[in-house]
N, C-alpha and C. Protein backbone atom coordinates (compact mmCIF):
# COMPACT_ATOMS: atom_id res chain seq x y z
N MET A 1 -12.96 1.78 -48.73
CA MET A 1 -12.89 2.02 -49.95
C MET A 1 -13.37 1.21 -51.15
N ALA A 2 -14.13 1.44 -52.14
CA ALA A 2 -14.64 0.49 -52.94
C ALA A 2 -13.88 -0.07 -54.19
N ILE A 3 -14.29 -1.05 -54.24
CA ILE A 3 -13.38 -1.93 -55.52
C ILE A 3 -14.07 -1.70 -56.82
N ILE A 4 -13.25 -1.15 -57.83
CA ILE A 4 -14.05 -0.66 -58.98
C ILE A 4 -13.53 -1.63 -60.12
N VAL A 5 -14.39 -2.25 -60.87
CA VAL A 5 -13.95 -3.44 -61.58
C VAL A 5 -14.87 -3.14 -63.04
N PRO A 6 -14.43 -3.76 -64.22
CA PRO A 6 -15.21 -3.49 -65.19
C PRO A 6 -16.62 -4.38 -65.23
N LEU A 7 -17.69 -3.84 -65.64
CA LEU A 7 -18.68 -4.67 -65.94
C LEU A 7 -18.47 -6.10 -66.78
N SER A 8 -18.55 -7.17 -66.12
CA SER A 8 -18.58 -8.34 -66.85
C SER A 8 -19.90 -9.06 -66.68
N SER A 9 -19.82 -10.06 -67.63
CA SER A 9 -21.11 -10.93 -67.80
C SER A 9 -21.55 -11.53 -66.40
N TYR A 10 -20.68 -11.72 -65.57
CA TYR A 10 -20.68 -12.40 -64.16
C TYR A 10 -21.84 -11.37 -63.55
N HIS A 11 -21.56 -9.91 -63.84
CA HIS A 11 -22.47 -8.92 -62.85
C HIS A 11 -23.60 -8.70 -63.59
N ILE A 12 -24.17 -9.19 -64.69
CA ILE A 12 -25.03 -8.62 -65.28
C ILE A 12 -26.44 -8.67 -64.67
N SER A 13 -26.65 -9.63 -64.19
CA SER A 13 -28.03 -9.84 -63.33
C SER A 13 -28.07 -8.96 -61.88
N LYS A 14 -26.92 -8.96 -61.44
CA LYS A 14 -26.91 -8.04 -60.22
C LYS A 14 -26.65 -6.59 -60.43
N ALA A 15 -26.31 -6.22 -61.41
CA ALA A 15 -26.10 -4.79 -61.90
C ALA A 15 -27.74 -4.52 -62.24
N ALA A 16 -28.38 -5.33 -63.05
CA ALA A 16 -29.68 -5.01 -63.56
C ALA A 16 -30.68 -4.71 -62.36
N ARG A 17 -30.66 -5.77 -61.35
CA ARG A 17 -31.18 -5.50 -60.09
C ARG A 17 -31.09 -4.07 -59.32
N LEU A 18 -29.68 -3.91 -59.35
CA LEU A 18 -29.47 -2.67 -58.51
C LEU A 18 -29.92 -1.57 -59.39
N TYR A 19 -29.69 -1.39 -60.66
CA TYR A 19 -30.13 -0.56 -61.59
C TYR A 19 -31.49 -0.07 -61.50
N THR A 20 -32.30 -1.39 -61.24
CA THR A 20 -33.70 -1.36 -61.30
C THR A 20 -34.29 -0.51 -59.76
N ASP A 21 -33.45 -0.87 -58.78
CA ASP A 21 -33.68 -0.33 -57.65
C ASP A 21 -33.32 0.87 -57.24
N VAL A 22 -32.16 1.21 -57.81
CA VAL A 22 -31.91 2.74 -57.74
C VAL A 22 -32.72 3.55 -58.53
N PHE A 23 -32.90 3.41 -59.72
CA PHE A 23 -33.73 3.96 -60.76
C PHE A 23 -35.14 4.14 -60.18
N LEU A 24 -35.88 3.30 -59.98
CA LEU A 24 -37.34 3.30 -59.73
C LEU A 24 -37.55 4.02 -58.10
N ASN A 25 -36.64 3.76 -57.46
CA ASN A 25 -36.94 4.36 -56.30
C ASN A 25 -36.23 5.79 -55.95
N ASP A 26 -35.53 6.27 -56.62
CA ASP A 26 -34.74 7.65 -56.73
C ASP A 26 -34.36 8.69 -57.59
N GLU A 27 -34.42 8.10 -58.93
CA GLU A 27 -34.23 8.76 -60.18
C GLU A 27 -35.31 9.88 -60.58
N PRO A 28 -35.27 10.98 -60.52
CA PRO A 28 -36.47 11.66 -60.43
C PRO A 28 -37.63 11.53 -61.54
N THR A 29 -36.99 11.30 -62.93
CA THR A 29 -37.50 11.09 -63.84
C THR A 29 -38.49 9.73 -64.00
N SER A 30 -37.47 8.70 -63.59
CA SER A 30 -38.17 7.44 -63.54
C SER A 30 -39.28 7.43 -62.29
N VAL A 31 -38.95 7.81 -61.43
CA VAL A 31 -40.00 7.88 -60.09
C VAL A 31 -41.31 8.41 -61.07
N LEU A 32 -41.39 9.59 -61.62
CA LEU A 32 -42.35 10.14 -62.15
C LEU A 32 -43.01 9.21 -63.11
N HIS A 33 -42.27 8.48 -64.01
CA HIS A 33 -42.84 7.57 -64.75
C HIS A 33 -43.52 6.32 -64.27
N ALA A 34 -42.99 6.00 -62.96
CA ALA A 34 -43.58 4.99 -62.12
C ALA A 34 -43.88 3.48 -62.88
N PRO A 35 -42.67 3.04 -63.59
CA PRO A 35 -43.28 1.76 -64.18
C PRO A 35 -42.97 0.48 -63.54
N ASP A 36 -43.67 -0.67 -63.80
CA ASP A 36 -43.74 -1.88 -62.64
C ASP A 36 -42.48 -2.43 -62.86
N PRO A 37 -41.97 -2.67 -61.70
CA PRO A 37 -40.75 -3.18 -61.36
C PRO A 37 -40.66 -4.53 -61.82
N ALA A 38 -41.84 -5.27 -62.00
CA ALA A 38 -41.91 -6.42 -62.73
C ALA A 38 -41.56 -6.28 -64.28
N MET A 39 -42.27 -5.35 -64.86
CA MET A 39 -41.71 -4.90 -66.35
C MET A 39 -40.43 -4.27 -66.51
N PHE A 40 -40.19 -3.51 -65.59
CA PHE A 40 -38.69 -2.94 -65.66
C PHE A 40 -37.53 -4.03 -65.86
N LEU A 41 -37.38 -4.91 -64.79
CA LEU A 41 -36.15 -5.58 -64.55
C LEU A 41 -35.95 -6.53 -65.70
N PRO A 42 -36.75 -7.09 -66.41
CA PRO A 42 -36.17 -7.77 -67.41
C PRO A 42 -35.63 -7.36 -68.69
N PHE A 43 -36.32 -5.76 -68.87
CA PHE A 43 -35.81 -4.74 -70.03
C PHE A 43 -34.43 -4.46 -69.43
N ALA A 44 -34.15 -4.09 -68.12
CA ALA A 44 -32.93 -3.61 -67.53
C ALA A 44 -32.00 -4.78 -67.89
N GLU A 45 -32.31 -5.96 -67.67
CA GLU A 45 -31.07 -6.94 -67.90
C GLU A 45 -30.73 -6.98 -69.36
N ILE A 46 -31.49 -6.73 -70.39
CA ILE A 46 -31.42 -6.67 -71.78
C ILE A 46 -30.43 -5.46 -71.92
N TYR A 47 -30.77 -4.32 -71.23
CA TYR A 47 -29.99 -3.20 -71.65
C TYR A 47 -28.90 -3.30 -71.04
N VAL A 48 -28.53 -3.95 -69.80
CA VAL A 48 -27.31 -3.95 -69.26
C VAL A 48 -26.14 -5.06 -69.80
N ARG A 49 -26.93 -6.03 -70.46
CA ARG A 49 -26.12 -6.90 -71.24
C ARG A 49 -25.63 -6.30 -72.46
N ALA A 50 -26.30 -5.44 -73.16
CA ALA A 50 -26.16 -4.56 -74.16
C ALA A 50 -24.94 -3.69 -73.73
N VAL A 51 -24.81 -3.03 -72.86
CA VAL A 51 -23.76 -1.94 -72.48
C VAL A 51 -22.54 -2.64 -71.90
N PHE A 52 -22.76 -4.05 -71.44
CA PHE A 52 -21.68 -5.00 -71.15
C PHE A 52 -20.77 -4.97 -72.38
N THR A 53 -21.28 -5.32 -73.70
CA THR A 53 -20.95 -5.71 -74.76
C THR A 53 -19.74 -4.51 -75.40
N LYS A 54 -20.25 -2.92 -74.84
CA LYS A 54 -19.16 -2.04 -75.38
C LYS A 54 -17.83 -1.73 -74.65
N ASN A 55 -17.76 -2.74 -73.43
CA ASN A 55 -16.44 -2.62 -72.88
C ASN A 55 -16.28 -1.03 -72.18
N LEU A 56 -17.24 -0.51 -71.55
CA LEU A 56 -16.97 0.83 -71.37
C LEU A 56 -17.62 1.28 -69.91
N SER A 57 -17.98 0.21 -69.30
CA SER A 57 -18.93 0.26 -68.18
C SER A 57 -18.38 -0.34 -67.10
N PHE A 58 -18.69 -0.05 -65.64
CA PHE A 58 -17.79 -0.53 -64.45
C PHE A 58 -18.91 -0.35 -63.36
N VAL A 59 -18.61 -1.61 -62.62
CA VAL A 59 -19.30 -1.50 -61.22
C VAL A 59 -18.38 -1.62 -60.07
N SER A 60 -19.03 -1.07 -58.69
CA SER A 60 -18.24 -0.85 -57.65
C SER A 60 -18.70 -2.08 -56.86
N LEU A 61 -17.78 -2.81 -56.09
CA LEU A 61 -17.88 -3.89 -54.93
C LEU A 61 -17.43 -3.52 -53.57
N ASP A 62 -18.08 -3.98 -52.62
CA ASP A 62 -17.52 -3.98 -51.30
C ASP A 62 -16.69 -5.12 -51.01
N GLN A 63 -16.06 -5.07 -49.81
CA GLN A 63 -14.90 -6.10 -49.55
C GLN A 63 -15.49 -7.46 -49.67
N SER A 64 -16.73 -7.58 -49.63
CA SER A 64 -17.30 -8.98 -49.54
C SER A 64 -17.98 -9.21 -51.29
N SER A 65 -17.49 -8.45 -52.22
CA SER A 65 -17.78 -8.33 -53.28
C SER A 65 -19.23 -8.20 -53.58
N GLU A 66 -20.11 -7.78 -52.66
CA GLU A 66 -21.38 -7.18 -52.85
C GLU A 66 -21.35 -6.01 -54.03
N MET A 67 -22.48 -5.97 -54.67
CA MET A 67 -22.41 -4.69 -55.69
C MET A 67 -23.03 -3.63 -55.10
N THR A 68 -22.42 -2.48 -54.96
CA THR A 68 -22.65 -1.31 -54.48
C THR A 68 -22.92 -0.20 -55.49
N GLY A 69 -22.57 0.20 -56.43
CA GLY A 69 -22.79 0.81 -57.64
C GLY A 69 -22.38 0.39 -59.08
N PHE A 70 -22.99 1.44 -59.71
CA PHE A 70 -22.67 1.41 -61.44
C PHE A 70 -22.42 2.27 -62.06
N ILE A 71 -21.86 2.40 -63.39
CA ILE A 71 -22.02 3.59 -63.96
C ILE A 71 -21.93 2.80 -65.40
N PHE A 72 -22.82 3.02 -66.25
CA PHE A 72 -23.29 2.53 -67.68
C PHE A 72 -22.69 3.59 -68.65
N CYS A 73 -21.85 3.39 -69.75
CA CYS A 73 -21.41 4.26 -70.60
C CYS A 73 -21.51 3.90 -72.06
N LEU A 74 -21.56 4.50 -72.86
CA LEU A 74 -21.83 4.37 -74.27
C LEU A 74 -20.97 5.33 -75.38
N ASP A 75 -20.60 4.74 -76.14
CA ASP A 75 -20.18 6.00 -77.35
C ASP A 75 -21.21 7.21 -77.66
N LEU A 76 -21.03 8.22 -77.39
CA LEU A 76 -22.07 9.26 -77.80
C LEU A 76 -23.05 9.01 -79.01
N LEU A 77 -22.22 8.65 -80.10
CA LEU A 77 -22.97 8.33 -81.48
C LEU A 77 -23.82 7.24 -81.25
N SER A 78 -23.47 6.28 -80.26
CA SER A 78 -24.30 4.88 -80.22
C SER A 78 -25.63 5.16 -80.16
N ASP A 79 -26.48 4.32 -80.45
CA ASP A 79 -28.11 4.45 -80.40
C ASP A 79 -28.56 3.09 -79.57
N ILE A 80 -28.90 3.10 -78.26
CA ILE A 80 -29.08 1.97 -77.68
C ILE A 80 -30.47 1.29 -78.21
N ARG A 81 -31.28 2.18 -79.15
CA ARG A 81 -32.39 1.39 -79.80
C ARG A 81 -31.92 0.34 -80.94
N ASP A 82 -30.80 0.66 -81.35
CA ASP A 82 -30.09 -0.20 -82.47
C ASP A 82 -29.88 -1.62 -81.87
N GLU A 83 -29.87 -1.70 -80.57
CA GLU A 83 -29.72 -3.31 -80.09
C GLU A 83 -30.96 -4.11 -80.34
N GLY A 84 -31.79 -3.69 -80.65
CA GLY A 84 -32.98 -4.65 -81.22
C GLY A 84 -34.47 -4.15 -80.59
N GLU A 85 -35.44 -4.74 -80.94
CA GLU A 85 -36.71 -4.16 -80.81
C GLU A 85 -37.29 -4.07 -79.06
N GLU A 86 -36.42 -5.09 -78.30
CA GLU A 86 -36.84 -4.74 -77.03
C GLU A 86 -36.01 -3.62 -76.45
N MET A 87 -35.11 -3.26 -76.76
CA MET A 87 -34.59 -1.82 -76.21
C MET A 87 -35.58 -0.80 -76.82
N VAL A 88 -35.97 -0.87 -77.99
CA VAL A 88 -37.06 0.06 -78.50
C VAL A 88 -38.43 0.33 -77.59
N GLN A 89 -38.89 -1.26 -77.60
CA GLN A 89 -39.75 -0.97 -76.64
C GLN A 89 -39.83 -0.62 -75.42
N PHE A 90 -38.37 -0.72 -74.45
CA PHE A 90 -38.40 -0.46 -73.13
C PHE A 90 -38.33 1.19 -73.15
N LEU A 91 -37.73 1.49 -74.07
CA LEU A 91 -37.44 3.05 -74.01
C LEU A 91 -38.79 3.82 -74.25
N SER A 92 -39.82 3.00 -74.93
CA SER A 92 -41.13 3.75 -75.42
C SER A 92 -41.98 3.98 -73.92
N HIS A 93 -41.46 3.20 -72.98
CA HIS A 93 -42.16 3.46 -71.60
C HIS A 93 -41.84 4.83 -70.88
N PHE A 94 -40.64 5.42 -71.55
CA PHE A 94 -39.99 6.47 -71.22
C PHE A 94 -39.84 7.70 -72.21
N ARG A 95 -40.94 7.75 -72.86
CA ARG A 95 -40.77 8.62 -74.31
C ARG A 95 -40.52 10.27 -74.00
N GLU A 96 -41.11 10.68 -72.73
CA GLU A 96 -40.58 11.78 -72.30
C GLU A 96 -39.20 12.18 -71.98
N THR A 97 -39.00 11.56 -71.00
CA THR A 97 -37.46 11.30 -70.57
C THR A 97 -36.48 11.33 -72.07
N VAL A 98 -36.66 10.44 -72.78
CA VAL A 98 -35.97 10.35 -74.12
C VAL A 98 -35.90 11.58 -74.88
N ALA A 99 -36.75 12.24 -75.01
CA ALA A 99 -37.05 13.55 -75.61
C ALA A 99 -36.57 14.47 -75.02
N LEU A 100 -36.48 14.67 -73.66
CA LEU A 100 -35.58 15.68 -73.06
C LEU A 100 -34.48 15.47 -72.98
N ILE A 101 -33.67 14.11 -72.96
CA ILE A 101 -32.38 14.06 -72.87
C ILE A 101 -31.96 14.51 -74.46
N GLU A 102 -32.56 13.87 -75.51
CA GLU A 102 -32.29 14.41 -77.00
C GLU A 102 -32.26 15.85 -77.10
N LYS A 103 -33.38 16.56 -76.44
CA LYS A 103 -33.30 18.09 -76.84
C LYS A 103 -32.19 18.60 -76.11
N LEU A 104 -31.62 18.08 -74.92
CA LEU A 104 -31.12 18.98 -74.15
C LEU A 104 -29.27 18.55 -74.96
N GLU A 105 -29.08 17.51 -75.51
CA GLU A 105 -28.09 17.07 -75.97
C GLU A 105 -27.95 17.97 -77.27
N GLU A 106 -29.06 18.04 -78.18
CA GLU A 106 -28.98 18.83 -79.35
C GLU A 106 -28.99 20.30 -79.32
N THR A 107 -29.43 20.85 -77.96
CA THR A 107 -29.24 22.17 -78.04
C THR A 107 -27.94 22.52 -77.50
N TYR A 108 -27.01 21.59 -76.24
CA TYR A 108 -25.69 22.32 -75.89
C TYR A 108 -24.60 21.16 -76.54
N LEU A 109 -24.88 20.63 -77.26
CA LEU A 109 -23.80 19.93 -78.17
C LEU A 109 -23.77 19.99 -79.75
N ASP A 110 -22.64 20.23 -80.48
CA ASP A 110 -22.90 20.42 -81.90
C ASP A 110 -22.38 18.93 -82.26
N LEU A 111 -23.71 18.08 -82.28
CA LEU A 111 -23.33 16.82 -82.90
C LEU A 111 -23.03 16.52 -84.29
N SER A 112 -23.30 17.45 -85.07
CA SER A 112 -22.73 17.22 -86.44
C SER A 112 -21.20 17.25 -86.46
N ARG A 113 -20.44 17.86 -85.33
CA ARG A 113 -19.19 17.70 -85.62
C ARG A 113 -18.77 16.70 -84.84
N ILE A 114 -19.38 15.93 -84.28
CA ILE A 114 -18.90 14.89 -83.42
C ILE A 114 -18.44 13.64 -84.41
N THR A 115 -17.82 12.78 -84.09
CA THR A 115 -17.39 11.87 -84.80
C THR A 115 -17.20 10.44 -83.89
N PRO A 116 -17.56 9.20 -84.37
CA PRO A 116 -17.44 8.04 -83.46
C PRO A 116 -16.21 7.84 -82.78
N GLY A 117 -16.17 7.33 -81.54
CA GLY A 117 -14.88 6.97 -80.86
C GLY A 117 -14.24 8.54 -80.22
N THR A 118 -14.95 9.69 -80.14
CA THR A 118 -14.35 10.65 -79.60
C THR A 118 -15.07 11.13 -78.52
N VAL A 119 -16.21 10.85 -78.28
CA VAL A 119 -17.15 11.60 -77.06
C VAL A 119 -17.82 10.33 -76.33
N LEU A 120 -17.48 9.97 -75.18
CA LEU A 120 -18.15 9.09 -74.25
C LEU A 120 -19.10 9.33 -73.42
N HIS A 121 -20.14 8.91 -73.26
CA HIS A 121 -21.49 9.22 -72.68
C HIS A 121 -22.05 8.43 -71.64
N VAL A 122 -21.76 9.03 -70.55
CA VAL A 122 -22.19 8.13 -69.28
C VAL A 122 -23.82 8.34 -69.25
N PHE A 123 -24.42 7.17 -69.32
CA PHE A 123 -26.09 6.86 -69.65
C PHE A 123 -26.41 6.98 -67.97
N GLN A 124 -25.94 6.36 -67.20
CA GLN A 124 -26.28 6.05 -66.05
C GLN A 124 -25.17 5.85 -64.92
N ILE A 125 -25.92 6.21 -63.92
CA ILE A 125 -24.62 6.24 -62.48
C ILE A 125 -25.65 5.91 -61.45
N GLY A 126 -25.23 5.17 -60.52
CA GLY A 126 -26.26 4.78 -59.31
C GLY A 126 -25.25 4.13 -58.00
N VAL A 127 -25.68 4.30 -57.05
CA VAL A 127 -25.22 3.76 -55.71
C VAL A 127 -26.18 3.33 -55.10
N ASP A 128 -25.82 2.12 -54.63
CA ASP A 128 -27.01 1.28 -53.51
C ASP A 128 -27.06 2.40 -52.25
N ALA A 129 -28.59 2.47 -52.09
CA ALA A 129 -28.82 3.75 -50.65
C ALA A 129 -28.16 3.51 -49.67
N ARG A 130 -27.73 2.20 -49.53
CA ARG A 130 -27.16 1.67 -47.90
C ARG A 130 -25.69 2.05 -48.20
N HIS A 131 -25.11 2.75 -49.01
CA HIS A 131 -23.56 2.96 -49.73
C HIS A 131 -23.36 4.51 -49.85
N ARG A 132 -24.28 5.25 -50.18
CA ARG A 132 -24.24 6.66 -50.43
C ARG A 132 -23.40 7.52 -49.59
N LYS A 133 -22.98 8.63 -50.03
CA LYS A 133 -22.43 9.40 -49.28
C LYS A 133 -20.94 8.82 -48.81
N SER A 134 -20.34 7.79 -49.52
CA SER A 134 -19.02 7.29 -49.30
C SER A 134 -18.11 7.42 -50.20
N GLY A 135 -18.44 8.29 -51.45
CA GLY A 135 -17.38 8.49 -52.37
C GLY A 135 -17.57 7.49 -53.50
N ILE A 136 -18.44 6.62 -53.41
CA ILE A 136 -18.36 5.59 -54.45
C ILE A 136 -18.70 6.13 -56.04
N ALA A 137 -19.75 7.07 -55.84
CA ALA A 137 -19.99 7.76 -57.49
C ALA A 137 -18.65 8.23 -58.06
N LYS A 138 -18.10 9.14 -57.11
CA LYS A 138 -16.73 9.89 -57.50
C LYS A 138 -15.48 8.76 -57.88
N GLU A 139 -15.63 7.81 -57.36
CA GLU A 139 -14.65 6.68 -57.60
C GLU A 139 -15.04 6.10 -59.04
N LEU A 140 -16.29 5.68 -59.24
CA LEU A 140 -16.79 5.29 -60.37
C LEU A 140 -16.72 6.18 -61.60
N ILE A 141 -16.79 7.56 -61.50
CA ILE A 141 -16.67 8.42 -62.39
C ILE A 141 -15.19 8.62 -62.55
N THR A 142 -14.34 8.67 -61.58
CA THR A 142 -12.61 8.73 -61.83
C THR A 142 -12.30 7.56 -62.69
N ARG A 143 -13.05 6.32 -62.32
CA ARG A 143 -12.24 5.30 -63.20
C ARG A 143 -12.74 5.37 -64.81
N VAL A 144 -13.95 5.81 -65.10
CA VAL A 144 -14.23 5.97 -66.50
C VAL A 144 -13.58 6.99 -66.99
N ILE A 145 -13.14 8.28 -66.17
CA ILE A 145 -12.30 9.35 -66.97
C ILE A 145 -10.90 8.86 -67.36
N SER A 146 -10.33 7.78 -66.76
CA SER A 146 -8.94 7.06 -66.90
C SER A 146 -9.45 6.09 -68.14
N TRP A 147 -10.48 5.25 -67.91
CA TRP A 147 -10.53 4.40 -69.08
C TRP A 147 -10.78 5.23 -70.35
N GLY A 148 -11.70 6.27 -70.36
CA GLY A 148 -12.11 6.87 -71.41
C GLY A 148 -10.65 7.50 -72.10
N LYS A 149 -9.71 8.11 -71.37
CA LYS A 149 -8.45 8.30 -72.05
C LYS A 149 -7.72 7.40 -72.83
N THR A 150 -7.61 5.92 -72.05
CA THR A 150 -6.91 4.96 -72.50
C THR A 150 -7.63 4.53 -73.90
N GLN A 151 -8.73 4.60 -74.10
CA GLN A 151 -9.69 4.25 -75.50
C GLN A 151 -9.80 5.11 -76.38
N GLY A 152 -8.97 6.31 -76.15
CA GLY A 152 -9.08 7.31 -77.13
C GLY A 152 -10.03 8.62 -77.22
N TYR A 153 -10.99 8.57 -76.32
CA TYR A 153 -11.97 9.43 -76.19
C TYR A 153 -11.11 10.80 -75.69
N SER A 154 -11.77 11.94 -76.23
CA SER A 154 -11.20 13.34 -76.08
C SER A 154 -12.26 14.21 -74.90
N ARG A 155 -13.55 13.23 -75.01
CA ARG A 155 -14.71 14.18 -73.90
C ARG A 155 -15.33 13.02 -73.37
N ILE A 156 -15.82 13.54 -72.32
CA ILE A 156 -16.98 12.79 -71.59
C ILE A 156 -18.23 13.67 -71.11
N VAL A 157 -19.53 13.24 -71.70
CA VAL A 157 -20.72 13.81 -71.38
C VAL A 157 -21.66 13.11 -70.55
N ALA A 158 -22.35 13.84 -69.80
CA ALA A 158 -23.27 13.12 -68.87
C ALA A 158 -24.43 14.16 -68.74
N ASP A 159 -25.75 13.18 -68.69
CA ASP A 159 -26.98 13.96 -68.45
C ASP A 159 -27.32 14.16 -66.83
N CYS A 160 -27.44 15.02 -66.12
CA CYS A 160 -27.45 14.91 -64.51
C CYS A 160 -29.08 15.37 -64.47
N THR A 161 -29.73 14.57 -63.88
CA THR A 161 -31.16 14.52 -63.55
C THR A 161 -31.47 15.04 -62.19
N SER A 162 -30.31 15.02 -61.26
CA SER A 162 -30.60 15.53 -59.98
C SER A 162 -29.34 16.62 -59.32
N MET A 163 -29.53 17.17 -58.28
CA MET A 163 -28.56 17.51 -58.01
C MET A 163 -27.46 17.00 -57.32
N ALA A 164 -27.86 15.78 -57.02
CA ALA A 164 -26.84 14.87 -56.41
C ALA A 164 -25.78 14.37 -57.51
N SER A 165 -26.43 14.25 -58.59
CA SER A 165 -25.56 13.61 -59.60
C SER A 165 -24.77 14.76 -60.38
N LEU A 166 -25.33 15.95 -60.34
CA LEU A 166 -24.81 17.06 -60.84
C LEU A 166 -23.24 17.36 -59.81
N ARG A 167 -23.50 17.21 -58.40
CA ARG A 167 -22.41 17.41 -57.69
C ARG A 167 -21.19 16.41 -57.77
N SER A 168 -21.68 15.29 -58.07
CA SER A 168 -20.61 14.07 -58.26
C SER A 168 -19.82 14.33 -59.36
N PHE A 169 -20.80 14.53 -60.50
CA PHE A 169 -19.71 14.85 -61.45
C PHE A 169 -18.94 16.43 -61.67
N GLU A 170 -19.35 17.65 -61.00
CA GLU A 170 -18.78 18.38 -61.11
C GLU A 170 -17.54 18.50 -59.97
N SER A 171 -17.62 17.48 -58.74
CA SER A 171 -16.55 17.24 -58.11
C SER A 171 -15.48 16.35 -58.76
N CYS A 172 -15.51 16.07 -59.94
CA CYS A 172 -14.66 15.22 -60.85
C CYS A 172 -14.15 15.92 -61.92
N GLY A 173 -14.52 17.51 -61.94
CA GLY A 173 -13.74 18.33 -62.95
C GLY A 173 -14.84 18.69 -64.10
N PHE A 174 -16.23 17.99 -64.13
CA PHE A 174 -17.03 18.37 -65.35
C PHE A 174 -17.58 19.93 -65.10
N GLN A 175 -17.81 20.33 -66.18
CA GLN A 175 -18.66 21.73 -66.37
C GLN A 175 -20.15 21.50 -66.57
N CYS A 176 -20.98 22.26 -66.33
CA CYS A 176 -22.25 22.36 -66.64
C CYS A 176 -21.89 23.28 -67.83
N THR A 177 -22.79 22.77 -68.91
CA THR A 177 -22.85 23.59 -70.22
C THR A 177 -24.14 24.11 -70.45
N GLY A 178 -25.03 23.51 -69.82
CA GLY A 178 -26.32 24.11 -70.18
C GLY A 178 -27.40 23.04 -69.44
N SER A 179 -28.82 23.45 -69.18
CA SER A 179 -29.62 22.90 -68.80
C SER A 179 -30.99 23.34 -68.85
N ILE A 180 -32.21 22.35 -68.84
CA ILE A 180 -33.54 22.72 -69.30
C ILE A 180 -34.24 22.52 -67.89
N PRO A 181 -35.25 23.54 -67.46
CA PRO A 181 -35.68 23.11 -66.46
C PRO A 181 -37.00 22.20 -66.81
N TYR A 182 -37.15 21.45 -65.91
CA TYR A 182 -38.23 20.38 -66.25
C TYR A 182 -39.30 20.95 -66.40
N ASP A 183 -40.11 22.06 -65.83
CA ASP A 183 -41.54 22.54 -66.11
C ASP A 183 -41.26 23.31 -67.26
N SER A 184 -40.33 23.34 -67.82
CA SER A 184 -40.23 24.29 -69.23
C SER A 184 -40.71 23.34 -70.50
N PHE A 185 -40.44 22.01 -70.64
CA PHE A 185 -40.42 20.94 -71.34
C PHE A 185 -41.74 20.59 -71.67
N THR A 186 -42.14 20.48 -72.99
CA THR A 186 -43.24 19.89 -73.25
C THR A 186 -43.00 18.65 -74.60
N VAL A 187 -43.94 17.85 -74.51
CA VAL A 187 -44.14 16.68 -75.76
C VAL A 187 -45.29 16.76 -76.11
N ASP A 188 -45.63 16.95 -77.46
CA ASP A 188 -46.78 16.98 -78.03
C ASP A 188 -47.69 17.95 -77.12
N GLY A 189 -47.31 19.05 -76.82
CA GLY A 189 -48.13 20.30 -76.03
C GLY A 189 -48.35 19.84 -74.56
N LYS A 190 -47.88 18.87 -73.97
CA LYS A 190 -48.07 18.49 -72.80
C LYS A 190 -47.02 18.51 -71.86
N ASN A 191 -46.81 19.15 -70.65
CA ASN A 191 -45.90 19.19 -69.73
C ASN A 191 -45.87 17.83 -68.78
N PHE A 192 -45.12 16.86 -68.95
CA PHE A 192 -45.08 15.62 -68.34
C PHE A 192 -44.70 15.71 -67.16
N PHE A 193 -43.19 17.01 -67.16
CA PHE A 193 -42.59 17.04 -65.92
C PHE A 193 -42.98 18.09 -65.24
N SER A 194 -44.07 18.67 -65.39
CA SER A 194 -44.96 19.96 -64.57
C SER A 194 -44.55 19.84 -63.32
N ASN A 195 -44.57 18.77 -62.29
CA ASN A 195 -44.79 18.79 -61.08
C ASN A 195 -42.94 18.40 -60.49
N LEU A 196 -42.40 18.29 -61.38
CA LEU A 196 -40.75 17.95 -60.98
C LEU A 196 -40.11 19.41 -60.90
N ASN A 197 -39.61 19.62 -59.67
CA ASN A 197 -38.58 20.65 -59.33
C ASN A 197 -37.15 20.55 -60.14
N GLY A 198 -36.78 21.81 -60.57
CA GLY A 198 -35.40 21.82 -60.86
C GLY A 198 -35.14 21.36 -62.21
N SER A 199 -33.97 21.12 -62.61
CA SER A 199 -33.51 20.86 -64.16
C SER A 199 -32.70 19.81 -64.23
N ILE A 200 -32.63 19.26 -65.71
CA ILE A 200 -31.76 18.33 -66.31
C ILE A 200 -30.69 19.04 -66.79
N SER A 201 -29.46 18.72 -66.45
CA SER A 201 -28.32 19.63 -66.81
C SER A 201 -27.23 18.65 -67.76
N LEU A 202 -26.42 19.35 -68.73
CA LEU A 202 -25.36 18.65 -69.57
C LEU A 202 -24.11 18.90 -68.96
N VAL A 203 -23.36 18.07 -68.49
CA VAL A 203 -21.87 18.19 -67.80
C VAL A 203 -21.04 17.63 -69.06
N VAL A 204 -19.84 18.21 -68.88
CA VAL A 204 -18.78 17.78 -70.29
C VAL A 204 -17.59 17.96 -69.63
N LYS A 205 -16.66 17.22 -69.63
CA LYS A 205 -15.38 17.18 -69.36
C LYS A 205 -14.26 17.05 -70.61
N ASN A 206 -13.26 17.75 -70.77
CA ASN A 206 -12.43 17.35 -71.77
C ASN A 206 -11.21 16.58 -71.19
N LEU A 207 -10.84 15.44 -72.08
CA LEU A 207 -9.69 14.64 -71.33
C LEU A 207 -8.44 15.08 -72.14
């Protein structure tokens, strides 16, 4: 059984390395963008440091305190780009994916009726390849559900870019409220995701 603990300043570097490894090797849209790991890691550390300050994220550890997974969360109405120019620069490398996620949320969430502190957004979840299929993702999600309730949130949402992610959230009681097939989405008339099978899905759980 994993040990789930709040993301702390002590975990930032390790979490950034695991995030880099998981997303550049396994997350479908990140694999498609194929960023240079040497470029990605410094930005990942800035990003993890930013989510740490929100007190909404967790990591999983094994019995020897090695990090095995992470779940990074923000208030839905928070914009990570507000953390500074470095985050704006980082996200510019993933312009198409950012646009796709924004389209998904604009389509299936009534953003005009959401107020700060009511909807928690799971930005990323990942598990070390050596520890997958051991229930860690479900434990991380379950912990966020519990924490979200104590923080006064009434809903949690997540953008699932793979079937594995979708299954993990559905196993925790999330409902898929809509999806966008990758090959149907265009930015500036170009279909960046044309060779990517499947869909990105929005899942929601009321607390």
